[in-house]
Amino acid sequence: MNKILKAKIMEAFSSVLPITAIVLIASVFLVPVPAGTILMFLVGASLLIIGMGFFTLGADMAMMPIGEGIGIQLTRSSNLFLVLLVSFIMGLIITIAEPDLQVLALQVPSIPPLALILTVAVGVGLFLVIAVLRTFLKIRLSVLLIIFYLIVFAVAFLAPNNFIPVAFDSGGVTTGPITVPFILAMGVGVAAVRSDKDSQNDSFGLVSLCSVGPILSVLILGIFFKPTGADIESHVVPLIETSQDVVKTFALEMPHYLVDVLYAMAALVIFFVIFQFISRRFKKHQLARIAVGFFYTLLGLVVFLTGVNVGFIPVGQLLGSELAASPLKWILVPLSMVIGYFIVAAEPAVHVLTKQVEEISSGSISQKNMNRGLSIGMASALAITMIRILTGISIMWILIPGYAVALILTFFVPRIFTGIAFDSGGVCSGPMTSTFLLPLAMGTCEGIGGDLMTDAFGIVAMVAMAPLLVIQFMGLMYGRKLKVSAQKTEAVLETISEENAGEIIEFEEEPAHE
């Protein structure tokens, strides 16, 4: 176990190192940052690495087996109503457990946070039911995505303009480090029982559908509440004079995140205990492993969220506001691209997705290629976001054509890539997006005197959209490569057949033994 944990931490270190180096270089050459703030950032990066290591190990030991077990167990039940009810409850619980959702809810004071959280949770629960039904009924994912996104954009035209970015952001924050392992594994479990030729293709897509539900439900909520704005407080950079101040700052904040994660994990544990009591699916040694996995997940999330929120948020907002207020404001575009390219590797849920994609595709879609595609998508999303913030372009001018192209591509790429692409969109918009990139966008918006509600918000939506295009283009190239390979194989077989046509193969008779 120690070797596995070390491997996970080293993997996290290699993921976080590039973004740490970029911020340090920017703090030296572009925006002078106080030494105390940089020290806070470095400690935050260290906690992020340790937390990610424990979390990914915990997800492998607990989250993945539970999700897959629930998926398999549900498909064995003959009571369809019970299956759908359990799916809805599970979607509701794991969404409320997402720490990212609570961060977003606190940014919109014109709507009670509890009302927003419950609205998003109901949206995820309902669409998880739809996702499970899709797998059972073998409905093509692209058909459902087109129908529901047409409904989403139709409803968006009825919602207040300054609430649309928040609604689309809600679809991204719900697919975070707790939700993704459960839903991905559940999709694999549900599809595995079918064992037909399309089951592998349908194992992905649950996350993508669960990302649509919150957007639609929050847009409807916005129509009724008609929010006019939100007073968003800037993150105050704490005064750090000594190394002892650094330790005190993190020590004071960690209990808050411990309480939040405990509440979130408690809901999951209760749900699992009820499931195990009814199904008796897991044996004693498996339960012991899952219990340790829960502990690692709890520890990892607390350490991760403390490091990111205390160490990363102040630096992100400071960089954005200082650069936006300077003559070098356009340098934010290439800087954001570089940050986006590397920061996607620091998202905990990305590791879960890429690993599962490689396993399901038997190595034909490698983690390396998936990571490269997601990095390109994230870089493109942040470049467009910064241009949008600096120019004040409405987010709808980008989202509508972007999703239109993504949905059209679903008819031309292998079906498995459609599910992977739309799942990737939700997975990329995790804790790093809401706790570093969103403050960076907010700081930029403040620096140029823009509207926080219409300009700063929407970055999660952009991050969720870009991978849809990049991964599907990967799928397009992958499909063409397979087609060319098949044609070459067919040509070789035809050549061999023609060369051997008409030939008489003589067999020498062995002399009879007397």
Protein backbone atom coordinates (compact mmCIF):
# COMPACT_ATOMS: atom_id res chain seq x y z
CA MET A 1 0.00 0.00 0.00
CA ASN A 2 2.85 2.40 0.79
CA LYS A 3 4.32 1.86 -2.69
CA ILE A 4 0.96 2.60 -4.30
CA LEU A 5 0.53 5.76 -2.22
CA LYS A 6 4.04 6.93 -3.13
CA ALA A 7 3.27 6.33 -6.80
CA LYS A 8 0.04 8.34 -6.50
CA ILE A 9 1.83 11.24 -4.76
CA MET A 10 4.60 11.26 -7.38
CA GLU A 11 1.97 11.31 -10.09
CA ALA A 12 0.31 14.27 -8.39
CA PHE A 13 3.68 15.99 -8.02
CA SER A 14 4.37 15.74 -11.75
CA SER A 15 0.88 17.15 -12.42
CA VAL A 16 1.11 20.13 -10.06
CA LEU A 17 4.75 21.06 -10.72
CA PRO A 18 4.13 22.85 -14.08
CA ILE A 19 1.35 25.13 -12.77
CA THR A 20 3.45 25.95 -9.68
CA ALA A 21 6.41 26.90 -11.88
CA ILE A 22 4.21 29.08 -14.12
CA VAL A 23 2.81 31.03 -11.16
CA LEU A 24 6.28 31.51 -9.65
CA ILE A 25 7.67 32.80 -12.96
CA ALA A 26 4.70 35.15 -13.39
CA SER A 27 5.15 36.46 -9.84
CA VAL A 28 8.77 37.35 -10.59
CA PHE A 29 8.54 38.82 -14.09
CA LEU A 30 4.94 40.06 -14.44
CA VAL A 31 3.33 40.76 -11.05
CA PRO A 32 5.48 41.25 -7.94
CA VAL A 33 3.90 39.15 -5.21
CA PRO A 34 4.77 39.48 -1.50
CA ALA A 35 7.09 36.75 -0.23
CA GLY A 36 4.52 35.69 2.39
CA THR A 37 1.87 35.13 -0.29
CA ILE A 38 4.28 33.07 -2.38
CA LEU A 39 5.13 30.98 0.69
CA MET A 40 1.41 30.39 1.23
CA PHE A 41 1.11 29.33 -2.40
CA LEU A 42 3.99 26.85 -2.11
CA VAL A 43 2.56 25.30 1.06
CA GLY A 44 -0.82 25.11 -0.66
CA ALA A 45 0.79 23.35 -3.63
CA SER A 46 2.44 20.84 -1.28
CA LEU A 47 -0.87 20.10 0.44
CA LEU A 48 -2.55 19.80 -2.95
CA ILE A 49 -0.05 17.12 -4.01
CA ILE A 50 -0.43 15.11 -0.80
CA GLY A 51 -4.21 15.46 -0.85
CA MET A 52 -4.49 14.38 -4.46
CA GLY A 53 -2.34 11.33 -3.76
CA PHE A 54 -4.55 10.17 -0.88
CA PHE A 55 -7.75 11.03 -2.75
CA THR A 56 -6.92 9.08 -5.93
CA LEU A 57 -5.89 6.06 -3.84
CA GLY A 58 -9.12 6.32 -1.85
CA ALA A 59 -11.18 6.60 -5.05
CA ASP A 60 -9.57 3.41 -6.39
CA MET A 61 -10.24 1.54 -3.13
CA ALA A 62 -13.75 2.77 -2.28
CA MET A 63 -15.53 5.02 -4.77
CA MET A 64 -14.93 2.95 -7.90
CA PRO A 65 -15.87 -0.47 -6.45
CA ILE A 66 -19.01 0.94 -4.80
CA GLY A 67 -20.16 2.72 -7.95
CA GLU A 68 -19.58 -0.31 -10.13
CA GLY A 69 -21.21 -2.61 -7.59
CA ILE A 70 -24.31 -0.42 -7.40
CA GLY A 71 -24.49 -0.32 -11.19
CA ILE A 72 -24.32 -4.11 -11.50
CA GLN A 73 -26.73 -4.68 -8.63
CA LEU A 74 -29.31 -2.28 -10.06
CA THR A 75 -29.35 -4.04 -13.42
CA ARG A 76 -30.08 -7.37 -11.72
CA SER A 77 -33.25 -6.04 -10.14
CA SER A 78 -36.51 -6.79 -11.96
CA ASN A 79 -38.19 -3.81 -10.32
CA LEU A 80 -37.57 -0.90 -12.70
CA PHE A 81 -39.18 1.63 -10.34
CA LEU A 82 -36.78 0.62 -7.54
CA VAL A 83 -33.80 0.93 -9.89
CA LEU A 84 -34.80 4.44 -10.95
CA LEU A 85 -35.60 5.49 -7.38
CA VAL A 86 -32.17 4.36 -6.12
CA SER A 87 -30.51 6.15 -9.06
CA PHE A 88 -32.34 9.37 -8.22
CA ILE A 89 -31.47 9.19 -4.51
CA MET A 90 -27.84 8.42 -5.27
CA GLY A 91 -27.62 11.36 -7.69
CA LEU A 92 -29.19 13.63 -5.07
CA ILE A 93 -26.83 12.56 -2.26
CA ILE A 94 -23.54 12.66 -4.17
CA THR A 95 -24.38 16.09 -5.61
CA ILE A 96 -25.10 17.60 -2.20
CA ALA A 97 -21.78 16.08 -1.13
CA GLU A 98 -19.82 17.99 -3.82
CA PRO A 99 -17.68 20.74 -2.18
CA ASP A 100 -17.51 22.72 -5.46
CA LEU A 101 -21.27 23.20 -5.51
CA GLN A 102 -21.23 24.89 -2.10
CA VAL A 103 -18.52 27.27 -3.34
CA LEU A 104 -20.69 28.30 -6.29
CA ALA A 105 -23.85 28.61 -4.19
CA LEU A 106 -22.19 31.15 -1.89
CA GLN A 107 -21.38 33.36 -4.90
CA VAL A 108 -25.08 34.02 -5.62
CA PRO A 109 -26.54 35.67 -2.49
CA SER A 110 -29.74 36.74 -4.31
CA ILE A 111 -30.79 33.08 -4.17
CA PRO A 112 -30.59 31.14 -0.88
CA PRO A 113 -27.60 28.74 -1.08
CA LEU A 114 -29.73 25.80 0.11
CA ALA A 115 -32.30 26.46 -2.62
CA LEU A 116 -29.59 26.53 -5.29
CA ILE A 117 -27.89 23.38 -3.95
CA LEU A 118 -31.16 21.42 -3.80
CA THR A 119 -32.16 22.60 -7.27
CA VAL A 120 -28.86 21.40 -8.72
CA ALA A 121 -29.09 18.11 -6.80
CA VAL A 122 -32.60 17.41 -8.11
CA GLY A 123 -31.37 18.14 -11.64
CA VAL A 124 -28.53 15.63 -11.29
CA GLY A 125 -30.83 13.02 -9.74
CA LEU A 126 -33.41 13.28 -12.52
CA PHE A 127 -30.83 13.12 -15.28
CA LEU A 128 -29.04 10.20 -13.68
CA VAL A 129 -32.37 8.39 -13.93
CA ILE A 130 -32.52 9.34 -17.62
CA ALA A 131 -28.92 8.18 -18.12
CA VAL A 132 -29.63 4.78 -16.57
CA LEU A 133 -32.77 4.40 -18.70
CA ARG A 134 -30.74 5.27 -21.80
CA THR A 135 -28.32 2.44 -21.08
CA PHE A 136 -31.17 -0.03 -20.51
CA LEU A 137 -33.10 1.03 -23.63
CA LYS A 138 -29.93 1.36 -25.79
CA ILE A 139 -30.78 4.91 -26.89
CA ARG A 140 -28.00 6.69 -28.78
CA LEU A 141 -26.37 9.29 -26.52
CA SER A 142 -26.09 11.93 -29.27
CA VAL A 143 -29.88 11.91 -29.78
CA LEU A 144 -30.56 12.68 -26.12
CA LEU A 145 -27.82 15.31 -25.96
CA ILE A 146 -29.24 17.16 -28.97
CA ILE A 147 -32.77 17.10 -27.57
CA PHE A 148 -31.79 18.28 -24.10
CA TYR A 149 -29.33 20.97 -25.23
CA LEU A 150 -31.97 22.39 -27.58
CA ILE A 151 -34.29 22.58 -24.56
CA VAL A 152 -31.50 24.16 -22.46
CA PHE A 153 -30.80 26.94 -24.96
CA ALA A 154 -34.51 27.56 -25.49
CA VAL A 155 -34.99 28.02 -21.73
CA ALA A 156 -31.81 30.16 -21.56
CA PHE A 157 -33.47 32.81 -23.72
CA LEU A 158 -36.18 33.14 -21.05
CA ALA A 159 -33.74 33.41 -18.12
CA PRO A 160 -32.07 36.67 -16.95
CA ASN A 161 -28.87 37.39 -18.92
CA ASN A 162 -26.77 37.87 -15.81
CA PHE A 163 -27.80 34.43 -14.50
CA ILE A 164 -27.03 32.34 -17.62
CA PRO A 165 -23.27 32.02 -16.87
CA VAL A 166 -24.04 30.83 -13.32
CA ALA A 167 -26.49 28.25 -14.64
CA PHE A 168 -23.97 26.82 -17.12
CA ASP A 169 -21.26 26.87 -14.45
CA SER A 170 -23.50 24.78 -12.20
CA GLY A 171 -23.38 21.98 -14.76
CA GLY A 172 -19.60 21.85 -14.41
CA VAL A 173 -19.17 22.08 -10.65
CA THR A 174 -21.52 19.15 -10.00
CA THR A 175 -19.13 16.71 -11.69
CA GLY A 176 -16.28 16.90 -9.20
CA PRO A 177 -14.04 14.57 -7.21
CA ILE A 178 -16.86 12.83 -5.33
CA THR A 179 -19.47 12.54 -8.09
CA VAL A 180 -17.30 11.42 -11.01
CA PRO A 181 -15.86 8.17 -9.53
CA PHE A 182 -19.37 7.05 -8.54
CA ILE A 183 -21.09 7.90 -11.81
CA LEU A 184 -18.31 6.63 -14.09
CA ALA A 185 -18.08 3.32 -12.24
CA MET A 186 -21.86 3.01 -12.16
CA GLY A 187 -21.96 3.47 -15.94
CA VAL A 188 -19.43 0.69 -16.40
CA GLY A 189 -21.39 -1.59 -14.07
CA VAL A 190 -24.73 -0.99 -15.78
CA ALA A 191 -23.25 -1.46 -19.27
CA ALA A 192 -21.25 -4.57 -18.28
CA VAL A 193 -24.38 -6.59 -17.50
CA ARG A 194 -25.72 -6.03 -21.04
CA SER A 195 -22.65 -7.70 -22.65
CA ASP A 196 -23.70 -6.80 -26.21
CA LYS A 197 -21.52 -5.18 -28.87
CA ASP A 198 -22.60 -1.63 -27.92
CA SER A 199 -22.27 -2.02 -24.14
CA GLN A 200 -18.70 -0.65 -24.17
CA ASN A 201 -19.84 2.47 -26.06
CA ASP A 202 -22.70 3.05 -23.62
CA SER A 203 -20.50 2.74 -20.51
CA PHE A 204 -19.70 6.44 -20.91
CA GLY A 205 -22.21 9.28 -21.07
CA LEU A 206 -23.69 9.27 -17.56
CA VAL A 207 -21.54 12.22 -16.47
CA SER A 208 -22.45 14.19 -19.60
CA LEU A 209 -26.19 13.77 -19.05
CA CYS A 210 -25.84 14.54 -15.35
CA SER A 211 -24.15 17.82 -16.34
CA VAL A 212 -27.20 18.88 -18.39
CA GLY A 213 -29.66 18.47 -15.52
CA PRO A 214 -28.24 21.22 -13.27
CA ILE A 215 -28.05 23.72 -16.16
CA LEU A 216 -31.71 23.21 -17.00
CA SER A 217 -32.94 23.18 -13.41
CA VAL A 218 -30.94 26.30 -12.43
CA LEU A 219 -32.13 28.19 -15.53
CA ILE A 220 -35.71 27.43 -14.52
CA LEU A 221 -34.90 28.55 -10.96
CA GLY A 222 -33.45 31.79 -12.34
CA ILE A 223 -36.66 32.52 -14.26
CA PHE A 224 -38.70 32.40 -11.06
CA PHE A 225 -36.20 34.13 -8.75
CA LYS A 226 -35.04 36.68 -11.35
CA PRO A 227 -31.75 37.49 -9.59
CA THR A 228 -30.35 40.92 -10.36
CA GLY A 229 -26.79 40.50 -9.21
CA ALA A 230 -24.44 39.21 -6.57
CA ASP A 231 -22.09 40.96 -4.20
CA ILE A 232 -18.90 38.97 -4.53
CA GLU A 233 -16.24 39.65 -1.97
CA SER A 234 -12.62 39.68 -2.96
CA HIS A 235 -10.41 37.07 -1.35
CA VAL A 236 -8.24 38.92 1.15
CA VAL A 237 -4.58 37.98 1.07
CA PRO A 238 -3.63 37.27 4.70
CA LEU A 239 -0.74 39.21 6.21
CA ILE A 240 2.15 36.76 6.46
CA GLU A 241 5.31 37.88 8.24
CA THR A 242 6.79 34.63 9.54
CA SER A 243 6.65 30.92 8.70
CA GLN A 244 4.64 30.48 11.89
CA ASP A 245 1.90 32.69 10.40
CA VAL A 246 1.70 30.31 7.44
CA VAL A 247 1.16 27.30 9.67
CA LYS A 248 -1.43 29.16 11.76
CA THR A 249 -3.39 30.24 8.68
CA PHE A 250 -3.66 26.72 7.30
CA ALA A 251 -4.33 25.24 10.74
CA LEU A 252 -7.21 27.66 11.35
CA GLU A 253 -8.84 26.94 7.97
CA MET A 254 -8.47 23.15 7.87
CA PRO A 255 -11.21 22.38 10.48
CA HIS A 256 -13.79 24.21 8.30
CA TYR A 257 -13.04 21.97 5.32
CA LEU A 258 -12.95 18.92 7.60
CA VAL A 259 -16.51 19.64 8.72
CA ASP A 260 -17.70 20.20 5.13
CA VAL A 261 -16.12 16.97 3.87
CA LEU A 262 -17.37 15.01 6.91
CA TYR A 263 -20.94 16.04 6.15
CA ALA A 264 -20.46 15.10 2.50
CA MET A 265 -18.84 11.74 3.27
CA ALA A 266 -21.43 10.96 5.97
CA ALA A 267 -24.20 11.02 3.37
CA LEU A 268 -22.21 8.66 1.15
CA VAL A 269 -21.38 6.28 4.00
CA ILE A 270 -25.02 6.11 5.12
CA PHE A 271 -26.12 5.38 1.55
CA PHE A 272 -23.47 2.66 1.20
CA VAL A 273 -24.39 1.04 4.54
CA ILE A 274 -28.06 0.84 3.49
CA PHE A 275 -27.06 -0.56 0.09
CA GLN A 276 -24.79 -3.18 1.67
CA PHE A 277 -27.42 -4.14 4.26
CA ILE A 278 -29.99 -4.79 1.51
CA SER A 279 -27.77 -6.35 -1.16
CA ARG A 280 -25.01 -8.05 0.88
CA ARG A 281 -22.84 -7.57 -2.19
CA PHE A 282 -19.42 -6.99 -0.59
CA LYS A 283 -17.51 -9.54 1.52
CA LYS A 284 -15.73 -8.75 4.79
CA HIS A 285 -12.29 -8.22 3.25
CA GLN A 286 -13.84 -5.96 0.61
CA LEU A 287 -15.64 -3.94 3.29
CA ALA A 288 -12.35 -3.47 5.16
CA ARG A 289 -10.69 -2.19 1.98
CA ILE A 290 -13.61 0.15 1.26
CA ALA A 291 -13.48 1.51 4.84
CA VAL A 292 -9.78 2.35 4.42
CA GLY A 293 -10.62 3.86 1.04
CA PHE A 294 -13.24 6.11 2.63
CA PHE A 295 -10.66 7.31 5.16
CA TYR A 296 -8.10 8.06 2.44
CA THR A 297 -10.75 9.90 0.43
CA LEU A 298 -11.74 11.97 3.46
CA LEU A 299 -8.14 12.80 4.34
CA GLY A 300 -7.22 13.56 0.74
CA LEU A 301 -10.17 15.90 0.13
CA VAL A 302 -9.60 17.84 3.37
CA VAL A 303 -5.91 18.35 2.64
CA PHE A 304 -6.57 19.08 -1.05
CA LEU A 305 -9.32 21.66 -0.44
CA THR A 306 -7.35 23.38 2.33
CA GLY A 307 -4.27 23.71 0.13
CA VAL A 308 -6.16 24.95 -2.90
CA ASN A 309 -8.52 27.36 -1.12
CA VAL A 310 -5.98 28.89 1.28
CA GLY A 311 -2.91 28.85 -0.95
CA PHE A 312 -4.20 29.13 -4.51
CA ILE A 313 -7.25 31.45 -4.47
CA PRO A 314 -5.47 34.63 -3.24
CA VAL A 315 -2.66 34.24 -5.79
CA GLY A 316 -5.10 33.60 -8.64
CA GLN A 317 -7.16 36.70 -7.92
CA LEU A 318 -4.07 38.84 -7.31
CA LEU A 319 -2.49 37.84 -10.63
CA GLY A 320 -5.71 38.51 -12.53
CA SER A 321 -6.46 41.93 -11.00
CA GLU A 322 -2.90 43.26 -11.22
CA LEU A 323 -2.34 42.19 -14.82
CA ALA A 324 -5.78 43.38 -15.99
CA ALA A 325 -5.16 46.82 -14.51
CA SER A 326 -1.76 47.13 -16.20
CA PRO A 327 -0.78 47.88 -19.84
CA LEU A 328 0.10 44.18 -20.13
CA LYS A 329 -3.50 43.02 -19.76
CA TRP A 330 -3.53 41.14 -23.10
CA ILE A 331 -0.72 38.92 -21.85
CA LEU A 332 -3.47 37.24 -19.80
CA VAL A 333 -4.55 35.41 -22.97
CA PRO A 334 -1.33 33.44 -23.62
CA LEU A 335 -0.69 33.14 -19.87
CA SER A 336 -4.15 31.61 -19.38
CA MET A 337 -3.50 29.18 -22.23
CA VAL A 338 -0.30 27.95 -20.59
CA ILE A 339 -2.00 27.69 -17.18
CA GLY A 340 -4.96 25.85 -18.71
CA TYR A 341 -2.77 23.37 -20.57
CA PHE A 342 -1.09 22.20 -17.37
CA ILE A 343 -3.79 22.75 -14.74
CA VAL A 344 -6.11 20.08 -16.16
CA ALA A 345 -3.65 17.41 -15.00
CA ALA A 346 -4.12 18.65 -11.42
CA GLU A 347 -7.87 17.88 -11.41
CA PRO A 348 -8.47 14.75 -9.27
CA ALA A 349 -11.43 13.52 -11.33
CA VAL A 350 -9.41 13.69 -14.57
CA HIS A 351 -7.16 10.89 -13.31
CA VAL A 352 -10.22 8.74 -12.63
CA LEU A 353 -11.64 9.34 -16.12
CA THR A 354 -8.44 8.81 -18.12
CA LYS A 355 -7.63 5.61 -16.26
CA GLN A 356 -11.09 4.20 -16.86
CA VAL A 357 -11.04 5.19 -20.55
CA GLU A 358 -7.75 3.33 -21.04
CA GLU A 359 -9.12 0.23 -19.29
CA ILE A 360 -12.44 0.20 -21.17
CA SER A 361 -10.75 0.74 -24.56
CA SER A 362 -8.13 -1.94 -23.78
CA GLY A 363 -5.35 0.60 -24.21
CA SER A 364 -6.39 1.88 -27.65
CA ILE A 365 -7.21 5.26 -26.05
CA SER A 366 -4.23 5.85 -23.78
CA GLN A 367 -4.12 8.08 -20.71
CA LYS A 368 -1.33 10.06 -22.38
CA ASN A 369 -3.43 10.89 -25.46
CA MET A 370 -6.48 11.67 -23.34
CA ASN A 371 -4.47 14.03 -21.12
CA ARG A 372 -3.02 15.78 -24.16
CA GLY A 373 -6.48 16.25 -25.67
CA LEU A 374 -7.94 17.57 -22.42
CA SER A 375 -4.99 19.95 -21.98
CA ILE A 376 -5.50 21.40 -25.47
CA GLY A 377 -9.20 21.81 -24.74
CA MET A 378 -8.54 23.57 -21.44
CA ALA A 379 -5.96 25.91 -23.01
CA SER A 380 -8.42 26.87 -25.76
CA ALA A 381 -11.22 27.43 -23.24
CA LEU A 382 -9.16 29.78 -21.07
CA ALA A 383 -7.88 31.76 -24.06
CA ILE A 384 -11.45 32.34 -25.26
CA THR A 385 -12.60 33.14 -21.71
CA MET A 386 -9.93 35.82 -21.23
CA ILE A 387 -10.74 37.37 -24.60
CA ARG A 388 -14.42 37.36 -23.63
CA ILE A 389 -13.71 39.05 -20.27
CA LEU A 390 -11.40 41.69 -21.79
CA THR A 391 -13.85 42.52 -24.61
CA GLY A 392 -17.19 41.99 -22.82
CA ILE A 393 -18.58 39.51 -25.38
CA SER A 394 -21.76 37.70 -24.30
CA ILE A 395 -21.15 34.06 -23.41
CA MET A 396 -24.07 32.96 -25.59
CA TRP A 397 -22.15 33.98 -28.74
CA ILE A 398 -19.61 31.30 -27.83
CA LEU A 399 -21.70 28.58 -26.19
CA ILE A 400 -24.33 28.26 -28.94
CA PRO A 401 -21.95 27.71 -31.90
CA GLY A 402 -19.60 25.64 -29.73
CA TYR A 403 -22.27 23.19 -28.62
CA ALA A 404 -23.77 23.15 -32.14
CA VAL A 405 -20.46 21.94 -33.60
CA ALA A 406 -19.97 19.45 -30.74
CA LEU A 407 -23.43 17.96 -31.26
CA ILE A 408 -22.99 17.73 -35.06
CA LEU A 409 -19.71 15.86 -34.55
CA THR A 410 -21.54 13.16 -32.57
CA PHE A 411 -22.86 11.77 -35.88
CA PHE A 412 -19.38 11.37 -37.38
CA VAL A 413 -17.20 9.99 -34.56
CA PRO A 414 -17.17 6.48 -33.04
CA ARG A 415 -19.95 6.28 -30.43
CA ILE A 416 -17.59 5.66 -27.53
CA PHE A 417 -15.89 9.02 -28.21
CA THR A 418 -19.19 10.87 -27.86
CA GLY A 419 -19.61 9.63 -24.28
CA ILE A 420 -15.95 10.21 -23.43
CA ALA A 421 -15.97 13.75 -24.88
CA PHE A 422 -19.09 14.92 -23.07
CA ASP A 423 -17.95 13.23 -19.84
CA SER A 424 -14.57 14.99 -20.17
CA GLY A 425 -16.26 18.38 -20.25
CA GLY A 426 -17.72 17.91 -16.79
CA VAL A 427 -14.62 16.27 -15.38
CA CYS A 428 -12.26 19.10 -16.39
CA SER A 429 -14.29 21.66 -14.46
CA GLY A 430 -13.39 20.48 -10.96
CA PRO A 431 -11.89 22.00 -7.78
CA MET A 432 -8.91 23.59 -9.56
CA THR A 433 -11.26 25.48 -11.88
CA SER A 434 -13.50 26.82 -9.13
CA THR A 435 -10.69 27.66 -6.69
CA PHE A 436 -7.93 29.01 -8.97
CA LEU A 437 -9.27 29.78 -12.45
CA LEU A 438 -12.51 31.39 -11.25
CA PRO A 439 -10.61 33.75 -8.89
CA LEU A 440 -8.22 34.52 -11.78
CA ALA A 441 -11.23 35.45 -13.94
CA MET A 442 -12.80 37.45 -11.10
CA GLY A 443 -9.55 39.33 -10.53
CA THR A 444 -9.29 40.10 -14.25
CA CYS A 445 -12.87 41.33 -14.32
CA GLU A 446 -12.29 43.58 -11.31
CA GLY A 447 -9.08 44.93 -12.85
CA ILE A 448 -10.86 46.16 -16.00
CA GLY A 449 -14.03 47.21 -14.15
CA GLY A 450 -16.28 44.60 -15.78
CA ASP A 451 -19.49 42.93 -14.61
CA LEU A 452 -18.64 39.97 -12.38
CA MET A 453 -21.94 38.14 -12.92
CA THR A 454 -21.89 38.22 -16.74
CA ASP A 455 -18.13 38.18 -17.39
CA ALA A 456 -16.24 36.38 -14.60
CA PHE A 457 -18.82 33.63 -14.25
CA GLY A 458 -18.99 31.36 -17.25
CA ILE A 459 -15.37 30.20 -17.06
CA VAL A 460 -16.51 26.80 -15.76
CA ALA A 461 -18.94 26.54 -18.68
CA MET A 462 -16.17 27.35 -21.17
CA VAL A 463 -13.86 24.80 -19.57
CA ALA A 464 -16.64 22.19 -19.79
CA MET A 465 -17.33 22.93 -23.48
CA ALA A 466 -13.85 22.95 -25.05
CA PRO A 467 -12.96 19.26 -24.41
CA LEU A 468 -16.19 18.25 -26.18
CA LEU A 469 -14.70 19.52 -29.42
CA VAL A 470 -11.10 18.41 -28.90
CA ILE A 471 -11.88 14.84 -27.81
CA GLN A 472 -14.36 14.38 -30.65
CA PHE A 473 -11.80 15.60 -33.17
CA MET A 474 -9.50 12.97 -31.65
CA GLY A 475 -12.28 10.45 -32.21
CA LEU A 476 -12.65 11.59 -35.82
CA MET A 477 -8.95 11.00 -36.46
CA TYR A 478 -9.08 7.69 -34.57
CA GLY A 479 -12.02 6.54 -36.69
CA ARG A 480 -10.26 7.47 -39.94
CA LYS A 481 -7.11 5.68 -38.80
CA LEU A 482 -9.12 2.51 -38.13
CA LYS A 483 -10.80 2.82 -41.53
CA VAL A 484 -7.48 3.23 -43.35
CA SER A 485 -6.01 0.31 -41.42
CA ALA A 486 -8.99 -1.88 -42.34
CA GLN A 487 -8.68 -0.90 -46.01
CA LYS A 488 -4.95 -1.76 -46.03
CA THR A 489 -5.64 -5.12 -44.42
CA GLU A 490 -8.36 -5.85 -46.96
CA ALA A 491 -6.04 -4.88 -49.84
CA VAL A 492 -3.27 -7.17 -48.55
CA LEU A 493 -5.71 -10.09 -48.23
CA GLU A 494 -6.99 -9.51 -51.78
CA THR A 495 -3.43 -9.43 -53.12
CA ILE A 496 -2.57 -12.70 -51.39
CA SER A 497 -5.77 -14.24 -52.71
CA GLU A 498 -5.02 -13.17 -56.30
CA GLU A 499 -1.42 -14.43 -56.15
CA ASN A 500 -2.54 -17.85 -54.92
CA ALA A 501 -5.45 -18.15 -57.38
CA GLY A 502 -5.05 -21.02 -59.84
CA GLU A 503 -2.02 -22.49 -58.12
CA ILE A 504 -2.04 -26.21 -57.47
CA ILE A 505 -0.39 -27.14 -54.28
CA GLU A 506 1.14 -30.61 -54.54
CA PHE A 507 1.68 -32.76 -51.50
CA GLU A 508 4.42 -35.38 -51.59
CA GLU A 509 3.28 -38.79 -50.47
CA GLU A 510 5.36 -40.37 -47.82
CA PRO A 511 6.63 -43.87 -48.77
CA ALA A 512 4.66 -46.61 -47.14
CA HIS A 513 6.43 -48.34 -44.30
CA GLU A 514 6.56 -52.02 -44.70
